[in-house]
Amino acid sequence: MADDFLHFMVYLTRKIEFSASHLYHNPAFSAEENRRVFGKCNNPHGHGHNYVLEVTVAGEPDPATGMVLDLKELKEILQREVTDRMDHRFLNYEVPELAGQIPTCENIAAVIWRLLESKITRGHLNRVRLYETPDLFVDCYGEGNGAHPNAGGAR
């Protein structure tokens, strides 16, 4: 049977959710400019979201297991690298990887990509899709893999 195995690329996606708060503020801007550029997202007390994260791993299924990677291992990586780090946190102040960045959906997705890329050892990280709201998401494909990020919806 293994000799008959066809080689094909499979895209496996796992979804998790986490809740976090943030605010948009650029210290190089005046208070007035921050309010003008970021509007209600510049509230100094922040605001929260129930984020939905989809992580896609691409690869050929192992002929012996039929799997691209061990789903339990992927779940553990997401728990350790994303949920434990970001769930119920104020992203501006409690997530060191976002220090010095405005925690937009775009920047959060890029940080998640960097956290996950080296941890996935079977297949390869293909896409990080982060929903900030049901009608706003960002796709991050990392650097140089040929895909173009898509953003869905409007703030």
N, C-alpha and C. Protein backbone atom coordinates (compact mmCIF):
# COMPACT_ATOMS: atom_id res chain seq x y z
N MET A 1 0.81 -1.19 0.00
CA MET A 1 0.00 0.00 0.00
C MET A 1 0.86 1.26 0.00
N ALA A 2 1.96 1.25 0.77
CA ALA A 2 2.82 2.43 0.83
C ALA A 2 3.39 2.76 -0.55
N ASP A 3 3.61 1.73 -1.38
CA ASP A 3 4.15 1.98 -2.72
C ASP A 3 3.13 2.72 -3.59
N ASP A 4 1.86 2.54 -3.31
CA ASP A 4 0.81 3.18 -4.09
C ASP A 4 0.49 4.59 -3.60
N PHE A 5 1.15 5.01 -2.52
CA PHE A 5 0.83 6.30 -1.90
C PHE A 5 1.13 7.42 -2.87
N LEU A 6 0.14 8.26 -3.11
CA LEU A 6 0.32 9.42 -3.98
C LEU A 6 0.87 10.58 -3.17
N HIS A 7 1.81 11.30 -3.73
CA HIS A 7 2.37 12.46 -3.06
C HIS A 7 1.54 13.68 -3.43
N PHE A 8 1.01 14.32 -2.42
CA PHE A 8 0.23 15.53 -2.65
C PHE A 8 0.33 16.42 -1.42
N MET A 9 0.16 17.71 -1.63
CA MET A 9 0.23 18.68 -0.56
C MET A 9 -1.13 18.79 0.11
N VAL A 10 -1.12 18.76 1.43
CA VAL A 10 -2.33 18.91 2.22
C VAL A 10 -2.16 20.14 3.10
N TYR A 11 -3.24 20.89 3.27
CA TYR A 11 -3.23 22.08 4.12
C TYR A 11 -4.14 21.79 5.31
N LEU A 12 -3.53 21.67 6.47
CA LEU A 12 -4.23 21.32 7.69
C LEU A 12 -4.36 22.58 8.55
N THR A 13 -5.58 22.87 9.00
CA THR A 13 -5.82 24.09 9.78
C THR A 13 -6.40 23.74 11.14
N ARG A 14 -5.84 24.35 12.17
CA ARG A 14 -6.36 24.22 13.53
C ARG A 14 -6.80 25.60 14.00
N LYS A 15 -7.92 25.65 14.70
CA LYS A 15 -8.48 26.92 15.17
C LYS A 15 -8.47 26.95 16.68
N ILE A 16 -8.08 28.10 17.24
CA ILE A 16 -8.16 28.32 18.69
C ILE A 16 -8.75 29.71 18.91
N GLU A 17 -9.16 29.97 20.13
CA GLU A 17 -9.68 31.28 20.50
C GLU A 17 -8.95 31.77 21.74
N PHE A 18 -8.77 33.10 21.81
CA PHE A 18 -8.24 33.71 23.02
C PHE A 18 -8.82 35.11 23.14
N SER A 19 -8.89 35.59 24.36
CA SER A 19 -9.43 36.92 24.64
C SER A 19 -8.30 37.79 25.14
N ALA A 20 -8.24 39.02 24.64
CA ALA A 20 -7.18 39.94 25.06
C ALA A 20 -7.64 41.37 24.84
N SER A 21 -6.96 42.28 25.52
CA SER A 21 -7.25 43.70 25.33
C SER A 21 -6.01 44.39 24.77
N HIS A 22 -6.25 45.55 24.19
CA HIS A 22 -5.16 46.35 23.63
C HIS A 22 -5.64 47.78 23.42
N LEU A 23 -4.70 48.63 23.07
CA LEU A 23 -5.02 49.97 22.63
C LEU A 23 -4.03 50.35 21.55
N TYR A 24 -4.46 51.26 20.69
CA TYR A 24 -3.58 51.76 19.63
C TYR A 24 -3.06 53.12 20.08
N HIS A 25 -1.74 53.23 20.15
CA HIS A 25 -1.12 54.48 20.56
C HIS A 25 0.29 54.54 20.00
N ASN A 26 0.61 55.63 19.35
CA ASN A 26 1.96 55.84 18.85
C ASN A 26 2.58 56.97 19.65
N PRO A 27 3.62 56.68 20.45
CA PRO A 27 4.22 57.72 21.30
C PRO A 27 4.84 58.87 20.50
N ALA A 28 5.09 58.66 19.22
CA ALA A 28 5.64 59.73 18.39
C ALA A 28 4.55 60.73 17.97
N PHE A 29 3.29 60.37 18.13
CA PHE A 29 2.17 61.25 17.78
C PHE A 29 1.76 62.08 18.99
N SER A 30 1.19 63.24 18.74
CA SER A 30 0.59 64.03 19.81
C SER A 30 -0.69 63.33 20.25
N ALA A 31 -1.22 63.74 21.41
CA ALA A 31 -2.48 63.17 21.90
C ALA A 31 -3.58 63.38 20.86
N GLU A 32 -3.60 64.56 20.27
CA GLU A 32 -4.63 64.87 19.26
C GLU A 32 -4.47 63.98 18.02
N GLU A 33 -3.24 63.80 17.58
CA GLU A 33 -3.01 62.96 16.39
C GLU A 33 -3.36 61.49 16.67
N ASN A 34 -3.02 61.00 17.87
CA ASN A 34 -3.40 59.64 18.24
C ASN A 34 -4.91 59.48 18.19
N ARG A 35 -5.65 60.45 18.73
CA ARG A 35 -7.12 60.37 18.70
C ARG A 35 -7.64 60.43 17.27
N ARG A 36 -7.03 61.29 16.45
CA ARG A 36 -7.48 61.42 15.06
C ARG A 36 -7.21 60.15 14.26
N VAL A 37 -6.02 59.59 14.41
CA VAL A 37 -5.62 58.41 13.62
C VAL A 37 -6.31 57.14 14.11
N PHE A 38 -6.36 56.95 15.43
CA PHE A 38 -6.82 55.69 15.99
C PHE A 38 -8.23 55.72 16.56
N GLY A 39 -8.81 56.90 16.71
CA GLY A 39 -10.19 57.02 17.20
C GLY A 39 -10.38 56.33 18.53
N LYS A 40 -11.50 55.60 18.65
CA LYS A 40 -11.82 54.94 19.93
C LYS A 40 -10.82 53.86 20.30
N CYS A 41 -10.02 53.39 19.35
CA CYS A 41 -8.99 52.39 19.66
C CYS A 41 -7.83 52.99 20.46
N ASN A 42 -7.83 54.34 20.61
CA ASN A 42 -6.80 55.02 21.39
C ASN A 42 -7.21 55.22 22.85
N ASN A 43 -8.33 54.69 23.26
CA ASN A 43 -8.77 54.80 24.66
C ASN A 43 -7.66 54.27 25.57
N PRO A 44 -7.16 55.08 26.51
CA PRO A 44 -6.03 54.63 27.35
C PRO A 44 -6.35 53.41 28.22
N HIS A 45 -7.62 53.14 28.44
CA HIS A 45 -8.00 51.96 29.22
C HIS A 45 -8.09 50.71 28.35
N GLY A 46 -7.94 50.87 27.06
CA GLY A 46 -7.97 49.75 26.13
C GLY A 46 -9.37 49.25 25.86
N HIS A 47 -9.43 48.22 25.07
CA HIS A 47 -10.68 47.53 24.74
C HIS A 47 -10.32 46.10 24.39
N GLY A 48 -11.29 45.20 24.47
CA GLY A 48 -10.99 43.79 24.30
C GLY A 48 -11.61 43.16 23.07
N HIS A 49 -11.07 42.02 22.71
CA HIS A 49 -11.57 41.22 21.59
C HIS A 49 -11.53 39.76 21.98
N ASN A 50 -12.42 38.99 21.38
CA ASN A 50 -12.35 37.54 21.43
C ASN A 50 -11.76 37.12 20.09
N TYR A 51 -10.45 36.94 20.08
CA TYR A 51 -9.74 36.62 18.85
C TYR A 51 -9.97 35.16 18.47
N VAL A 52 -10.01 34.90 17.18
CA VAL A 52 -10.04 33.54 16.65
C VAL A 52 -8.80 33.41 15.77
N LEU A 53 -8.00 32.41 16.05
CA LEU A 53 -6.76 32.17 15.32
C LEU A 53 -6.87 30.87 14.56
N GLU A 54 -6.57 30.91 13.28
CA GLU A 54 -6.46 29.71 12.45
C GLU A 54 -5.01 29.58 12.01
N VAL A 55 -4.42 28.43 12.27
CA VAL A 55 -3.04 28.16 11.88
C VAL A 55 -3.06 27.02 10.88
N THR A 56 -2.50 27.27 9.70
CA THR A 56 -2.47 26.27 8.63
C THR A 56 -1.05 25.77 8.44
N VAL A 57 -0.91 24.45 8.44
CA VAL A 57 0.36 23.79 8.19
C VAL A 57 0.23 23.01 6.88
N ALA A 58 1.20 23.16 6.01
CA ALA A 58 1.18 22.48 4.72
C ALA A 58 2.23 21.39 4.71
N GLY A 59 1.89 20.28 4.07
CA GLY A 59 2.86 19.20 3.95
C GLY A 59 2.24 17.99 3.31
N GLU A 60 3.09 17.01 3.04
CA GLU A 60 2.62 15.74 2.51
C GLU A 60 2.32 14.81 3.67
N PRO A 61 1.19 14.13 3.63
CA PRO A 61 0.90 13.17 4.71
C PRO A 61 1.97 12.07 4.76
N ASP A 62 2.34 11.70 5.95
CA ASP A 62 3.28 10.60 6.16
C ASP A 62 2.59 9.31 5.70
N PRO A 63 3.22 8.52 4.84
CA PRO A 63 2.57 7.29 4.37
C PRO A 63 2.26 6.31 5.50
N ALA A 64 3.04 6.33 6.57
CA ALA A 64 2.82 5.39 7.67
C ALA A 64 1.66 5.81 8.58
N THR A 65 1.44 7.13 8.73
CA THR A 65 0.40 7.61 9.66
C THR A 65 -0.78 8.26 8.95
N GLY A 66 -0.57 8.70 7.72
CA GLY A 66 -1.61 9.43 7.00
C GLY A 66 -1.75 10.87 7.46
N MET A 67 -0.84 11.35 8.32
CA MET A 67 -0.93 12.69 8.89
C MET A 67 0.21 13.58 8.43
N VAL A 68 -0.09 14.86 8.29
CA VAL A 68 0.94 15.85 7.98
C VAL A 68 1.81 16.06 9.22
N LEU A 69 1.15 16.15 10.38
CA LEU A 69 1.83 16.26 11.66
C LEU A 69 0.89 15.78 12.75
N ASP A 70 1.44 15.57 13.91
CA ASP A 70 0.67 15.10 15.05
C ASP A 70 -0.20 16.25 15.55
N LEU A 71 -1.53 16.09 15.47
CA LEU A 71 -2.45 17.16 15.86
C LEU A 71 -2.33 17.51 17.34
N LYS A 72 -2.01 16.52 18.15
CA LYS A 72 -1.83 16.78 19.58
C LYS A 72 -0.63 17.71 19.79
N GLU A 73 0.43 17.48 19.03
CA GLU A 73 1.62 18.33 19.13
C GLU A 73 1.29 19.76 18.70
N LEU A 74 0.54 19.92 17.61
CA LEU A 74 0.15 21.25 17.15
C LEU A 74 -0.69 21.96 18.22
N LYS A 75 -1.63 21.23 18.81
CA LYS A 75 -2.46 21.81 19.87
C LYS A 75 -1.60 22.29 21.04
N GLU A 76 -0.61 21.49 21.43
CA GLU A 76 0.28 21.86 22.54
C GLU A 76 1.13 23.08 22.19
N ILE A 77 1.60 23.16 20.95
CA ILE A 77 2.39 24.32 20.51
C ILE A 77 1.52 25.58 20.58
N LEU A 78 0.29 25.50 20.08
CA LEU A 78 -0.59 26.67 20.11
C LEU A 78 -0.93 27.09 21.54
N GLN A 79 -1.13 26.11 22.41
CA GLN A 79 -1.41 26.42 23.81
C GLN A 79 -0.24 27.16 24.44
N ARG A 80 0.95 26.62 24.25
CA ARG A 80 2.15 27.18 24.88
C ARG A 80 2.55 28.53 24.28
N GLU A 81 2.54 28.62 22.96
CA GLU A 81 3.07 29.81 22.30
C GLU A 81 2.07 30.95 22.16
N VAL A 82 0.77 30.63 22.10
CA VAL A 82 -0.23 31.67 21.89
C VAL A 82 -1.15 31.82 23.10
N THR A 83 -1.90 30.78 23.43
CA THR A 83 -2.90 30.90 24.49
C THR A 83 -2.26 31.29 25.82
N ASP A 84 -1.24 30.55 26.25
CA ASP A 84 -0.61 30.85 27.54
C ASP A 84 -0.01 32.26 27.55
N ARG A 85 0.47 32.72 26.42
CA ARG A 85 1.15 34.01 26.31
C ARG A 85 0.18 35.18 26.17
N MET A 86 -0.97 34.97 25.49
CA MET A 86 -1.83 36.10 25.11
C MET A 86 -3.23 36.09 25.71
N ASP A 87 -3.73 34.94 26.14
CA ASP A 87 -5.11 34.87 26.61
C ASP A 87 -5.29 35.65 27.91
N HIS A 88 -6.31 36.50 27.95
CA HIS A 88 -6.63 37.35 29.10
C HIS A 88 -5.44 38.23 29.50
N ARG A 89 -4.78 38.80 28.49
CA ARG A 89 -3.66 39.71 28.69
C ARG A 89 -3.97 41.06 28.05
N PHE A 90 -3.33 42.10 28.57
CA PHE A 90 -3.35 43.41 27.94
C PHE A 90 -2.13 43.40 27.03
N LEU A 91 -2.34 43.24 25.74
CA LEU A 91 -1.26 42.96 24.80
C LEU A 91 -0.16 44.02 24.81
N ASN A 92 -0.53 45.29 24.99
CA ASN A 92 0.48 46.36 24.99
C ASN A 92 1.50 46.19 26.11
N TYR A 93 1.07 45.68 27.26
CA TYR A 93 1.90 45.68 28.45
C TYR A 93 2.34 44.30 28.92
N GLU A 94 1.65 43.26 28.52
CA GLU A 94 1.92 41.94 29.09
C GLU A 94 2.52 40.93 28.11
N VAL A 95 2.68 41.29 26.86
CA VAL A 95 3.26 40.37 25.87
C VAL A 95 4.56 40.99 25.35
N PRO A 96 5.70 40.51 25.86
CA PRO A 96 6.98 41.13 25.51
C PRO A 96 7.25 41.19 24.00
N GLU A 97 6.76 40.20 23.27
CA GLU A 97 7.00 40.17 21.82
C GLU A 97 6.32 41.34 21.10
N LEU A 98 5.35 41.97 21.74
CA LEU A 98 4.67 43.13 21.14
C LEU A 98 5.20 44.46 21.68
N ALA A 99 6.20 44.41 22.54
CA ALA A 99 6.77 45.64 23.10
C ALA A 99 7.24 46.55 21.97
N GLY A 100 6.88 47.82 22.07
CA GLY A 100 7.31 48.79 21.07
C GLY A 100 6.52 48.75 19.77
N GLN A 101 5.48 47.90 19.70
CA GLN A 101 4.64 47.81 18.51
C GLN A 101 3.20 48.18 18.87
N ILE A 102 2.50 48.72 17.92
CA ILE A 102 1.07 48.94 18.11
C ILE A 102 0.41 47.58 17.85
N PRO A 103 -0.32 47.03 18.82
CA PRO A 103 -0.85 45.67 18.66
C PRO A 103 -2.10 45.61 17.77
N THR A 104 -1.88 45.97 16.51
CA THR A 104 -2.93 45.81 15.50
C THR A 104 -3.08 44.34 15.18
N CYS A 105 -4.15 43.99 14.54
CA CYS A 105 -4.35 42.61 14.11
C CYS A 105 -3.16 42.16 13.23
N GLU A 106 -2.68 43.07 12.39
CA GLU A 106 -1.55 42.76 11.50
C GLU A 106 -0.30 42.42 12.30
N ASN A 107 0.03 43.26 13.30
CA ASN A 107 1.23 43.03 14.09
C ASN A 107 1.11 41.79 14.97
N ILE A 108 -0.07 41.55 15.53
CA ILE A 108 -0.27 40.36 16.36
C ILE A 108 -0.08 39.10 15.51
N ALA A 109 -0.65 39.08 14.31
CA ALA A 109 -0.51 37.91 13.43
C ALA A 109 0.95 37.67 13.07
N ALA A 110 1.70 38.74 12.81
CA ALA A 110 3.12 38.59 12.47
C ALA A 110 3.91 38.05 13.66
N VAL A 111 3.59 38.50 14.87
CA VAL A 111 4.26 37.98 16.07
C VAL A 111 3.94 36.50 16.25
N ILE A 112 2.67 36.13 16.06
CA ILE A 112 2.29 34.73 16.17
C ILE A 112 3.04 33.89 15.14
N TRP A 113 3.16 34.38 13.92
CA TRP A 113 3.93 33.67 12.90
C TRP A 113 5.35 33.39 13.40
N ARG A 114 6.01 34.43 13.91
CA ARG A 114 7.40 34.28 14.37
C ARG A 114 7.49 33.31 15.55
N LEU A 115 6.48 33.31 16.42
CA LEU A 115 6.48 32.38 17.55
C LEU A 115 6.33 30.93 17.10
N LEU A 116 5.56 30.70 16.05
CA LEU A 116 5.22 29.34 15.64
C LEU A 116 6.17 28.74 14.61
N GLU A 117 6.71 29.55 13.74
CA GLU A 117 7.42 29.03 12.57
C GLU A 117 8.50 28.00 12.92
N SER A 118 9.33 28.28 13.89
CA SER A 118 10.42 27.34 14.22
C SER A 118 9.95 26.15 15.05
N LYS A 119 8.75 26.24 15.61
CA LYS A 119 8.25 25.17 16.47
C LYS A 119 7.58 24.05 15.67
N ILE A 120 7.17 24.36 14.47
CA ILE A 120 6.49 23.35 13.63
C ILE A 120 7.57 22.64 12.81
N THR A 121 7.80 21.39 13.17
CA THR A 121 8.92 20.66 12.58
C THR A 121 8.50 19.64 11.52
N ARG A 122 7.20 19.37 11.42
CA ARG A 122 6.68 18.49 10.36
C ARG A 122 5.80 19.34 9.47
N GLY A 123 5.99 19.24 8.17
CA GLY A 123 5.32 20.16 7.27
C GLY A 123 5.94 21.54 7.47
N HIS A 124 5.23 22.56 7.02
CA HIS A 124 5.71 23.92 7.27
C HIS A 124 4.53 24.85 7.49
N LEU A 125 4.77 25.87 8.29
CA LEU A 125 3.74 26.85 8.56
C LEU A 125 3.39 27.56 7.26
N ASN A 126 2.11 27.51 6.89
CA ASN A 126 1.67 28.10 5.63
C ASN A 126 0.95 29.42 5.84
N ARG A 127 0.09 29.47 6.87
CA ARG A 127 -0.72 30.66 7.06
C ARG A 127 -1.10 30.82 8.53
N VAL A 128 -1.10 32.06 8.98
CA VAL A 128 -1.69 32.45 10.25
C VAL A 128 -2.81 33.41 9.91
N ARG A 129 -4.04 33.03 10.25
CA ARG A 129 -5.20 33.90 10.04
C ARG A 129 -5.73 34.29 11.41
N LEU A 130 -5.79 35.59 11.67
CA LEU A 130 -6.25 36.08 12.96
C LEU A 130 -7.49 36.95 12.74
N TYR A 131 -8.59 36.51 13.36
CA TYR A 131 -9.83 37.29 13.36
C TYR A 131 -9.86 38.15 14.61
N GLU A 132 -10.01 39.46 14.41
CA GLU A 132 -10.20 40.36 15.53
C GLU A 132 -11.69 40.47 15.85
N THR A 133 -12.49 40.44 14.82
CA THR A 133 -13.95 40.41 14.92
C THR A 133 -14.43 39.45 13.84
N PRO A 134 -15.69 39.06 13.86
CA PRO A 134 -16.16 38.12 12.83
C PRO A 134 -15.99 38.62 11.40
N ASP A 135 -15.94 39.94 11.20
CA ASP A 135 -15.82 40.45 9.83
C ASP A 135 -14.49 41.15 9.56
N LEU A 136 -13.49 40.94 10.42
CA LEU A 136 -12.17 41.51 10.20
C LEU A 136 -11.12 40.47 10.53
N PHE A 137 -10.32 40.13 9.54
CA PHE A 137 -9.22 39.19 9.77
C PHE A 137 -8.02 39.59 8.95
N VAL A 138 -6.88 39.07 9.35
CA VAL A 138 -5.62 39.28 8.65
C VAL A 138 -5.02 37.91 8.37
N ASP A 139 -4.48 37.75 7.18
CA ASP A 139 -3.72 36.55 6.83
C ASP A 139 -2.25 36.92 6.80
N CYS A 140 -1.44 36.12 7.46
CA CYS A 140 0.01 36.31 7.46
C CYS A 140 0.64 35.05 6.87
N TYR A 141 1.47 35.25 5.87
CA TYR A 141 2.13 34.13 5.20
C TYR A 141 3.64 34.11 5.44
N GLY A 142 4.13 34.97 6.31
CA GLY A 142 5.57 35.01 6.55
C GLY A 142 6.29 35.68 5.41
N GLU A 143 7.59 35.72 5.52
CA GLU A 143 8.39 36.40 4.51
C GLU A 143 8.76 35.45 3.38
N GLY A 144 8.59 35.94 2.17
CA GLY A 144 9.15 35.28 1.01
C GLY A 144 8.59 33.93 0.63
N ASN A 145 7.36 33.56 1.04
CA ASN A 145 6.86 32.28 0.55
C ASN A 145 5.90 32.45 -0.60
N GLY A 146 5.86 33.67 -1.17
CA GLY A 146 5.14 33.87 -2.42
C GLY A 146 3.68 34.22 -2.29
N ALA A 147 3.09 34.08 -1.13
CA ALA A 147 1.67 34.41 -0.97
C ALA A 147 1.54 35.86 -0.52
N HIS A 148 0.43 36.44 -0.82
CA HIS A 148 0.18 37.82 -0.42
C HIS A 148 -0.86 37.86 0.68
N PRO A 149 -0.56 38.61 1.75
CA PRO A 149 -1.53 38.71 2.84
C PRO A 149 -2.85 39.31 2.35
N ASN A 150 -3.95 38.79 2.89
CA ASN A 150 -5.28 39.34 2.62
C ASN A 150 -5.85 39.84 3.91
N ALA A 151 -6.51 40.95 3.86
CA ALA A 151 -7.25 41.42 5.03
C ALA A 151 -8.72 41.37 4.67
N GLY A 152 -9.54 40.92 5.57
CA GLY A 152 -10.98 40.85 5.31
C GLY A 152 -11.70 41.85 6.16
N GLY A 153 -12.66 42.53 5.57
CA GLY A 153 -13.49 43.47 6.32
C GLY A 153 -12.80 44.79 6.54
N ALA A 154 -13.43 45.63 7.34
CA ALA A 154 -12.88 46.95 7.64
C ALA A 154 -13.04 47.20 9.12
N ARG A 155 -12.13 48.01 9.66
CA ARG A 155 -12.19 48.36 11.09
C ARG A 155 -13.35 49.28 11.34
